[in-house]
Amino acid sequence: MSVPLFATQRQARATTDVVVEIAPSQTPPRMPLELRDYVSPNTWESRMSLLTRLASQYCRPTFERAYLMAVVLLTFFVPVLSYFVILHGLVKTTDSNSDDFERQIWWARFATVAITIATWLLLIVPVIIWKYTGRVRFTKLADQWTRTDALSARTYGASPVWKMTVPGMIRSLIVLEITVPTTIRSNFDPESYLPPYIAAGEDGLPAYTDTKTTPWSKDFSGRVKYGELPIYTDKLTV
């Protein structure tokens, strides 16, 4: 499965936005042609390898699916079980005919709501912290690549700007957006992007031949013939 790669050009800002989608489970994509003047192939491969390793730490769809199912089940069962446990304890300590019994039931309901909220916080907050930490690391990595390319750029300000969109829950696809200065290339460049209405070239036409043919010819001995039939006359000329 090939990784989609798209390129859009902004003429007003004289920049080109290259968008590359990267999945940690797939082979890293090849370097886009727009980056060949700014990033070497070895640098691109090392960066993709580092990005894949970092993504494997914060993008685990299988674990996230199982964890989300566990959160849903615990959110349903924990409040129900806690309510019946609290209510069963109140029945033993409080007379069902007294006025305090109904008040204790409301306290049991409030305790169940508090336990539900605590369960959500206990299960969801660690995931939020985990994902936020990954987002921060991805952003720092993109800023580091931007500064590195700016230091090695031939012209001041003519360097790519890296941005990353990290996946959320149950997704592992990373969107890498690179803004590079527009390099004007000829349409005759073999590596340039051609408009979609320009199709590939067809097979070449056969060599030019004279379409004016005549059945009259001469053989090796100089005698005139019509097609393959020899003509024995001296008056006929070709």
C-alpha atoms as a PDB file:
ATOM      1  CA  MET A   1       0.000   0.000   0.000  1.00  0.00           C
ATOM      2  CA  SER A   2       1.543   3.218  -1.087  1.00  0.00           C
ATOM      3  CA  VAL A   3       1.480   6.223   1.187  1.00  0.00           C
ATOM      4  CA  PRO A   4      -0.474   9.136  -0.264  1.00  0.00           C
ATOM      5  CA  LEU A   5       1.557  12.201  -1.076  1.00  0.00           C
ATOM      6  CA  PHE A   6       0.090  15.503  -2.177  1.00  0.00           C
ATOM      7  CA  ALA A   7       1.553  18.838  -3.212  1.00  0.00           C
ATOM      8  CA  THR A   8      -0.277  22.156  -3.426  1.00  0.00           C
ATOM      9  CA  GLN A   9       1.279  25.380  -4.566  1.00  0.00           C
ATOM     10  CA  ARG A  10       0.546  28.890  -3.308  1.00  0.00           C
ATOM     11  CA  GLN A  11       1.624  31.422  -5.869  1.00  0.00           C
ATOM     12  CA  ALA A  12       1.008  34.472  -3.688  1.00  0.00           C
ATOM     13  CA  ARG A  13       3.303  33.350  -0.878  1.00  0.00           C
ATOM     14  CA  ALA A  14       5.795  31.692  -3.220  1.00  0.00           C
ATOM     15  CA  THR A  15       5.736  28.513  -1.146  1.00  0.00           C
ATOM     16  CA  THR A  16       4.791  24.912  -1.731  1.00  0.00           C
ATOM     17  CA  ASP A  17       3.002  22.788   0.882  1.00  0.00           C
ATOM     18  CA  VAL A  18       3.980  19.138   0.752  1.00  0.00           C
ATOM     19  CA  VAL A  19       1.738  16.830   2.781  1.00  0.00           C
ATOM     20  CA  VAL A  20       2.975  13.325   3.597  1.00  0.00           C
ATOM     21  CA  GLU A  21       0.919  10.760   5.502  1.00  0.00           C
ATOM     22  CA  ILE A  22       3.029   8.371   7.583  1.00  0.00           C
ATOM     23  CA  ALA A  23       1.891   5.167   9.260  1.00  0.00           C
ATOM     24  CA  PRO A  24       4.286   3.523  11.754  1.00  0.00           C
ATOM     25  CA  SER A  25       3.304   0.048  10.492  1.00  0.00           C
ATOM     26  CA  GLN A  26       4.259   0.849   6.886  1.00  0.00           C
ATOM     27  CA  THR A  27       7.514   1.471   5.094  1.00  0.00           C
ATOM     28  CA  PRO A  28       8.606   5.123   5.395  1.00  0.00           C
ATOM     29  CA  PRO A  29       7.799   7.102   2.235  1.00  0.00           C
ATOM     30  CA  ARG A  30      10.451   8.340  -0.128  1.00  0.00           C
ATOM     31  CA  MET A  31      11.613  11.932   0.027  1.00  0.00           C
ATOM     32  CA  PRO A  32       9.385  14.336  -1.954  1.00  0.00           C
ATOM     33  CA  LEU A  33      10.995  16.013  -4.937  1.00  0.00           C
ATOM     34  CA  GLU A  34      10.364  19.480  -3.483  1.00  0.00           C
ATOM     35  CA  LEU A  35      12.844  18.788  -0.666  1.00  0.00           C
ATOM     36  CA  ARG A  36      15.799  17.685  -2.775  1.00  0.00           C
ATOM     37  CA  ASP A  37      17.334  21.192  -2.647  1.00  0.00           C
ATOM     38  CA  TYR A  38      17.080  21.406   1.157  1.00  0.00           C
ATOM     39  CA  VAL A  39      17.313  17.901   2.661  1.00  0.00           C
ATOM     40  CA  SER A  40      19.620  15.067   1.702  1.00  0.00           C
ATOM     41  CA  PRO A  41      18.224  11.540   1.218  1.00  0.00           C
ATOM     42  CA  ASN A  42      20.182  10.270   4.232  1.00  0.00           C
ATOM     43  CA  THR A  43      18.754  13.020   6.427  1.00  0.00           C
ATOM     44  CA  TRP A  44      15.242  12.201   5.239  1.00  0.00           C
ATOM     45  CA  GLU A  45      15.650   8.515   6.029  1.00  0.00           C
ATOM     46  CA  SER A  46      17.037   9.213   9.501  1.00  0.00           C
ATOM     47  CA  ARG A  47      14.189  11.613  10.254  1.00  0.00           C
ATOM     48  CA  MET A  48      11.547   9.155   9.084  1.00  0.00           C
ATOM     49  CA  SER A  49      13.137   6.437  11.210  1.00  0.00           C
ATOM     50  CA  LEU A  50      13.113   8.723  14.261  1.00  0.00           C
ATOM     51  CA  LEU A  51       9.521   9.745  13.578  1.00  0.00           C
ATOM     52  CA  THR A  52       8.424   6.111  13.247  1.00  0.00           C
ATOM     53  CA  ARG A  53      10.045   5.169  16.561  1.00  0.00           C
ATOM     54  CA  LEU A  54       8.453   8.141  18.296  1.00  0.00           C
ATOM     55  CA  ALA A  55       5.041   7.321  16.823  1.00  0.00           C
ATOM     56  CA  SER A  56       5.265   3.736  18.056  1.00  0.00           C
ATOM     57  CA  GLN A  57       5.476   5.083  21.629  1.00  0.00           C
ATOM     58  CA  TYR A  58       2.365   7.246  21.481  1.00  0.00           C
ATOM     59  CA  CYS A  59       0.232   5.590  18.775  1.00  0.00           C
ATOM     60  CA  ARG A  60      -1.025   2.122  19.714  1.00  0.00           C
ATOM     61  CA  PRO A  61      -4.450   1.554  18.146  1.00  0.00           C
ATOM     62  CA  THR A  62      -4.911  -2.016  19.429  1.00  0.00           C
ATOM     63  CA  PHE A  63      -4.153  -1.068  23.026  1.00  0.00           C
ATOM     64  CA  GLU A  64      -6.320   2.046  22.739  1.00  0.00           C
ATOM     65  CA  ARG A  65      -9.309   0.041  21.469  1.00  0.00           C
ATOM     66  CA  ALA A  66      -9.018  -2.446  24.318  1.00  0.00           C
ATOM     67  CA  TYR A  67      -8.568   0.358  26.858  1.00  0.00           C
ATOM     68  CA  LEU A  68     -11.597   2.230  25.515  1.00  0.00           C
ATOM     69  CA  MET A  69     -13.747  -0.902  25.829  1.00  0.00           C
ATOM     70  CA  ALA A  70     -12.540  -1.373  29.404  1.00  0.00           C
ATOM     71  CA  VAL A  71     -13.427   2.248  30.215  1.00  0.00           C
ATOM     72  CA  VAL A  72     -16.955   1.776  28.842  1.00  0.00           C
ATOM     73  CA  LEU A  73     -17.493  -1.429  30.828  1.00  0.00           C
ATOM     74  CA  LEU A  74     -16.108  -0.007  34.062  1.00  0.00           C
ATOM     75  CA  THR A  75     -18.139   3.163  33.652  1.00  0.00           C
ATOM     76  CA  PHE A  76     -21.286   1.018  33.558  1.00  0.00           C
ATOM     77  CA  PHE A  77     -20.512  -1.642  36.167  1.00  0.00           C
ATOM     78  CA  VAL A  78     -18.664   0.364  38.846  1.00  0.00           C
ATOM     79  CA  PRO A  79     -21.534   2.813  39.601  1.00  0.00           C
ATOM     80  CA  VAL A  80     -24.114   0.020  39.635  1.00  0.00           C
ATOM     81  CA  LEU A  81     -22.098  -2.183  41.965  1.00  0.00           C
ATOM     82  CA  SER A  82     -21.130   0.694  44.239  1.00  0.00           C
ATOM     83  CA  TYR A  83     -24.756   1.845  44.538  1.00  0.00           C
ATOM     84  CA  PHE A  84     -25.996  -1.596  45.580  1.00  0.00           C
ATOM     85  CA  VAL A  85     -23.118  -2.045  48.044  1.00  0.00           C
ATOM     86  CA  ILE A  86     -23.793   1.341  49.671  1.00  0.00           C
ATOM     87  CA  LEU A  87     -27.544   0.767  49.687  1.00  0.00           C
ATOM     88  CA  HIS A  88     -27.127  -2.687  51.225  1.00  0.00           C
ATOM     89  CA  GLY A  89     -25.034  -1.228  54.022  1.00  0.00           C
ATOM     90  CA  LEU A  90     -27.622   1.441  54.757  1.00  0.00           C
ATOM     91  CA  VAL A  91     -30.393  -1.117  54.998  1.00  0.00           C
ATOM     92  CA  LYS A  92     -28.527  -2.895  57.774  1.00  0.00           C
ATOM     93  CA  THR A  93     -27.833   0.240  59.822  1.00  0.00           C
ATOM     94  CA  THR A  94     -30.984   2.281  59.248  1.00  0.00           C
ATOM     95  CA  ASP A  95     -34.633   1.522  59.892  1.00  0.00           C
ATOM     96  CA  SER A  96     -36.591   1.509  56.645  1.00  0.00           C
ATOM     97  CA  ASN A  97     -39.532   3.283  58.329  1.00  0.00           C
ATOM     98  CA  SER A  98     -37.500   6.194  59.690  1.00  0.00           C
ATOM     99  CA  ASP A  99     -37.076   9.580  58.014  1.00  0.00           C
ATOM    100  CA  ASP A 100     -33.318   9.125  57.795  1.00  0.00           C
ATOM    101  CA  PHE A 101     -33.673   6.139  55.480  1.00  0.00           C
ATOM    102  CA  GLU A 102     -34.720   8.215  52.447  1.00  0.00           C
ATOM    103  CA  ARG A 103     -31.985  10.731  53.224  1.00  0.00           C
ATOM    104  CA  GLN A 104     -29.451   7.922  53.295  1.00  0.00           C
ATOM    105  CA  ILE A 105     -30.689   6.740  49.888  1.00  0.00           C
ATOM    106  CA  TRP A 106     -29.987  10.184  48.417  1.00  0.00           C
ATOM    107  CA  TRP A 107     -26.535  10.140  50.006  1.00  0.00           C
ATOM    108  CA  ALA A 108     -25.964   6.760  48.337  1.00  0.00           C
ATOM    109  CA  ARG A 109     -26.960   8.217  44.981  1.00  0.00           C
ATOM    110  CA  PHE A 110     -24.622  11.186  45.410  1.00  0.00           C
ATOM    111  CA  ALA A 111     -21.821   8.816  46.396  1.00  0.00           C
ATOM    112  CA  THR A 112     -22.474   6.760  43.276  1.00  0.00           C
ATOM    113  CA  VAL A 113     -22.209   9.870  41.081  1.00  0.00           C
ATOM    114  CA  ALA A 114     -18.965  10.832  42.826  1.00  0.00           C
ATOM    115  CA  ILE A 115     -17.586   7.330  42.297  1.00  0.00           C
ATOM    116  CA  THR A 116     -18.543   7.506  38.608  1.00  0.00           C
ATOM    117  CA  ILE A 117     -16.739  10.835  38.130  1.00  0.00           C
ATOM    118  CA  ALA A 118     -13.714   9.517  40.010  1.00  0.00           C
ATOM    119  CA  THR A 119     -13.681   6.443  37.765  1.00  0.00           C
ATOM    120  CA  TRP A 120     -13.712   8.631  34.661  1.00  0.00           C
ATOM    121  CA  LEU A 121     -10.875  10.772  35.964  1.00  0.00           C
ATOM    122  CA  LEU A 122      -8.854   7.749  37.009  1.00  0.00           C
ATOM    123  CA  LEU A 123      -9.177   6.089  33.610  1.00  0.00           C
ATOM    124  CA  ILE A 124      -9.203   9.030  31.199  1.00  0.00           C
ATOM    125  CA  VAL A 125      -6.725  11.507  32.691  1.00  0.00           C
ATOM    126  CA  PRO A 126      -3.684   9.205  32.233  1.00  0.00           C
ATOM    127  CA  VAL A 127      -4.559   8.753  28.564  1.00  0.00           C
ATOM    128  CA  ILE A 128      -4.928  12.508  28.099  1.00  0.00           C
ATOM    129  CA  ILE A 129      -1.546  13.099  29.728  1.00  0.00           C
ATOM    130  CA  TRP A 130       0.003  10.359  27.587  1.00  0.00           C
ATOM    131  CA  LYS A 131      -1.378  11.823  24.349  1.00  0.00           C
ATOM    132  CA  TYR A 132      -0.484  15.385  25.335  1.00  0.00           C
ATOM    133  CA  THR A 133       3.088  14.355  26.100  1.00  0.00           C
ATOM    134  CA  GLY A 134       3.317  12.788  22.643  1.00  0.00           C
ATOM    135  CA  ARG A 135       1.918  15.923  21.005  1.00  0.00           C
ATOM    136  CA  VAL A 136       4.512  18.063  22.776  1.00  0.00           C
ATOM    137  CA  ARG A 137       7.349  15.779  21.678  1.00  0.00           C
ATOM    138  CA  PHE A 138       6.140  15.773  18.071  1.00  0.00           C
ATOM    139  CA  THR A 139       5.932  19.578  18.061  1.00  0.00           C
ATOM    140  CA  LYS A 140       9.423  19.929  19.513  1.00  0.00           C
ATOM    141  CA  LEU A 141      10.782  17.494  16.937  1.00  0.00           C
ATOM    142  CA  ALA A 142       9.222  19.481  14.062  1.00  0.00           C
ATOM    143  CA  ASP A 143      10.627  22.746  15.453  1.00  0.00           C
ATOM    144  CA  GLN A 144      14.057  21.145  15.776  1.00  0.00           C
ATOM    145  CA  TRP A 145      14.022  20.078  12.122  1.00  0.00           C
ATOM    146  CA  THR A 146      12.945  23.573  11.083  1.00  0.00           C
ATOM    147  CA  ARG A 147      15.838  25.177  12.994  1.00  0.00           C
ATOM    148  CA  THR A 148      18.336  22.658  11.633  1.00  0.00           C
ATOM    149  CA  ASP A 149      17.290  23.303   8.036  1.00  0.00           C
ATOM    150  CA  ALA A 150      17.365  27.070   8.608  1.00  0.00           C
ATOM    151  CA  LEU A 151      20.980  26.881   9.797  1.00  0.00           C
ATOM    152  CA  SER A 152      22.069  24.870   6.765  1.00  0.00           C
ATOM    153  CA  ALA A 153      20.033  26.863   4.204  1.00  0.00           C
ATOM    154  CA  ARG A 154      21.917  28.542   1.362  1.00  0.00           C
ATOM    155  CA  THR A 155      19.719  31.634   1.466  1.00  0.00           C
ATOM    156  CA  TYR A 156      18.325  33.303   4.579  1.00  0.00           C
ATOM    157  CA  GLY A 157      14.659  32.426   4.992  1.00  0.00           C
ATOM    158  CA  ALA A 158      14.707  29.892   2.158  1.00  0.00           C
ATOM    159  CA  SER A 159      14.304  26.770   4.257  1.00  0.00           C
ATOM    160  CA  PRO A 160      11.447  24.331   4.844  1.00  0.00           C
ATOM    161  CA  VAL A 161       9.079  24.674   7.788  1.00  0.00           C
ATOM    162  CA  TRP A 162       7.967  21.399   9.362  1.00  0.00           C
ATOM    163  CA  LYS A 163       4.603  20.801  11.037  1.00  0.00           C
ATOM    164  CA  MET A 164       3.040  17.598  12.354  1.00  0.00           C
ATOM    165  CA  THR A 165      -0.523  16.576  13.056  1.00  0.00           C
ATOM    166  CA  VAL A 166      -0.428  13.740  15.545  1.00  0.00           C
ATOM    167  CA  PRO A 167      -3.240  11.173  15.638  1.00  0.00           C
ATOM    168  CA  GLY A 168      -5.845  10.972  18.355  1.00  0.00           C
ATOM    169  CA  MET A 169      -7.375   7.869  19.848  1.00  0.00           C
ATOM    170  CA  ILE A 170      -7.514   4.644  17.792  1.00  0.00           C
ATOM    171  CA  ARG A 171      -5.567   6.232  14.923  1.00  0.00           C
ATOM    172  CA  SER A 172      -1.916   5.845  13.989  1.00  0.00           C
ATOM    173  CA  LEU A 173      -1.653   8.023  10.873  1.00  0.00           C
ATOM    174  CA  ILE A 174       0.674  11.015  11.199  1.00  0.00           C
ATOM    175  CA  VAL A 175       0.247  13.945   8.812  1.00  0.00           C
ATOM    176  CA  LEU A 176       3.533  15.694   8.057  1.00  0.00           C
ATOM    177  CA  GLU A 177       3.163  19.119   6.421  1.00  0.00           C
ATOM    178  CA  ILE A 178       6.281  20.739   5.007  1.00  0.00           C
ATOM    179  CA  THR A 179       6.240  24.290   3.647  1.00  0.00           C
ATOM    180  CA  VAL A 180       9.136  24.892   1.266  1.00  0.00           C
ATOM    181  CA  PRO A 181      10.008  27.911  -0.901  1.00  0.00           C
ATOM    182  CA  THR A 182       8.781  27.549  -4.440  1.00  0.00           C
ATOM    183  CA  THR A 183      11.471  26.517  -6.908  1.00  0.00           C
ATOM    184  CA  ILE A 184      10.573  27.466 -10.457  1.00  0.00           C
ATOM    185  CA  ARG A 185      11.320  24.514 -12.712  1.00  0.00           C
ATOM    186  CA  SER A 186      10.815  24.059 -16.399  1.00  0.00           C
ATOM    187  CA  ASN A 187       8.017  21.811 -17.579  1.00  0.00           C
ATOM    188  CA  PHE A 188      10.666  19.915 -19.516  1.00  0.00           C
ATOM    189  CA  ASP A 189      12.303  18.850 -16.239  1.00  0.00           C
ATOM    190  CA  PRO A 190      11.782  15.064 -15.983  1.00  0.00           C
ATOM    191  CA  GLU A 191      11.060  15.377 -12.239  1.00  0.00           C
ATOM    192  CA  SER A 192       8.622  18.285 -12.442  1.00  0.00           C
ATOM    193  CA  TYR A 193       4.893  17.981 -11.763  1.00  0.00           C
ATOM    194  CA  LEU A 194       2.927  18.266 -14.992  1.00  0.00           C
ATOM    195  CA  PRO A 195      -0.734  19.345 -15.210  1.00  0.00           C
ATOM    196  CA  PRO A 196      -3.209  16.445 -15.122  1.00  0.00           C
ATOM    197  CA  TYR A 197      -4.458  17.166 -18.647  1.00  0.00           C
ATOM    198  CA  ILE A 198      -1.028  16.337 -20.122  1.00  0.00           C
ATOM    199  CA  ALA A 199      -1.054  12.620 -20.824  1.00  0.00           C
ATOM    200  CA  ALA A 200       1.890  10.335 -21.347  1.00  0.00           C
ATOM    201  CA  GLY A 201       3.459  10.292 -24.788  1.00  0.00           C
ATOM    202  CA  GLU A 202       2.301   7.719 -27.294  1.00  0.00           C
ATOM    203  CA  ASP A 203       4.462   5.414 -29.366  1.00  0.00           C
ATOM    204  CA  GLY A 204       6.452   7.113 -32.080  1.00  0.00           C
ATOM    205  CA  LEU A 205       5.195   7.183 -35.635  1.00  0.00           C
ATOM    206  CA  PRO A 206       6.913   4.975 -38.202  1.00  0.00           C
ATOM    207  CA  ALA A 207       9.661   6.413 -40.356  1.00  0.00           C
ATOM    208  CA  TYR A 208       8.646   8.510 -43.333  1.00  0.00           C
ATOM    209  CA  THR A 209       8.222   6.597 -46.558  1.00  0.00           C
ATOM    210  CA  ASP A 210       7.344   7.765 -50.019  1.00  0.00           C
ATOM    211  CA  THR A 211       3.676   6.999 -50.537  1.00  0.00           C
ATOM    212  CA  LYS A 212       3.895   7.599 -54.295  1.00  0.00           C
ATOM    213  CA  THR A 213       4.519   4.107 -55.616  1.00  0.00           C
ATOM    214  CA  THR A 214       4.495   2.907 -59.212  1.00  0.00           C
ATOM    215  CA  PRO A 215       4.283  -0.647 -60.526  1.00  0.00           C
ATOM    216  CA  TRP A 216       6.939   0.122 -63.134  1.00  0.00           C
ATOM    217  CA  SER A 217      10.499  -0.749 -62.110  1.00  0.00           C
ATOM    218  CA  LYS A 218      13.730  -2.202 -63.444  1.00  0.00           C
ATOM    219  CA  ASP A 219      15.501  -5.380 -62.469  1.00  0.00           C
ATOM    220  CA  PHE A 220      19.246  -5.822 -61.862  1.00  0.00           C
ATOM    221  CA  SER A 221      19.974  -6.297 -65.560  1.00  0.00           C
ATOM    222  CA  GLY A 222      18.245  -3.036 -66.456  1.00  0.00           C
ATOM    223  CA  ARG A 223      15.210  -4.550 -68.113  1.00  0.00           C
ATOM    224  CA  VAL A 224      11.843  -2.914 -67.461  1.00  0.00           C
ATOM    225  CA  LYS A 225       9.157  -4.877 -65.618  1.00  0.00           C
ATOM    226  CA  TYR A 226       5.606  -4.217 -64.425  1.00  0.00           C
ATOM    227  CA  GLY A 227       5.310  -5.586 -60.924  1.00  0.00           C
ATOM    228  CA  GLU A 228       6.908  -9.011 -61.178  1.00  0.00           C
ATOM    229  CA  LEU A 229       6.250  -9.434 -64.929  1.00  0.00           C
ATOM    230  CA  PRO A 230       9.143  -8.588 -67.276  1.00  0.00           C
ATOM    231  CA  ILE A 231       8.318  -6.337 -70.240  1.00  0.00           C
ATOM    232  CA  TYR A 232      10.291  -6.996 -73.400  1.00  0.00           C
ATOM    233  CA  THR A 233      10.125  -3.656 -75.199  1.00  0.00           C
ATOM    234  CA  ASP A 234      12.590  -0.891 -75.779  1.00  0.00           C
ATOM    235  CA  LYS A 235      10.052   1.920 -76.253  1.00  0.00           C
ATOM    236  CA  LEU A 236       8.683   1.903 -72.731  1.00  0.00           C
ATOM    237  CA  THR A 237      10.559   4.105 -70.297  1.00  0.00           C
ATOM    238  CA  VAL A 238      10.130   4.547 -66.604  1.00  0.00           C
END
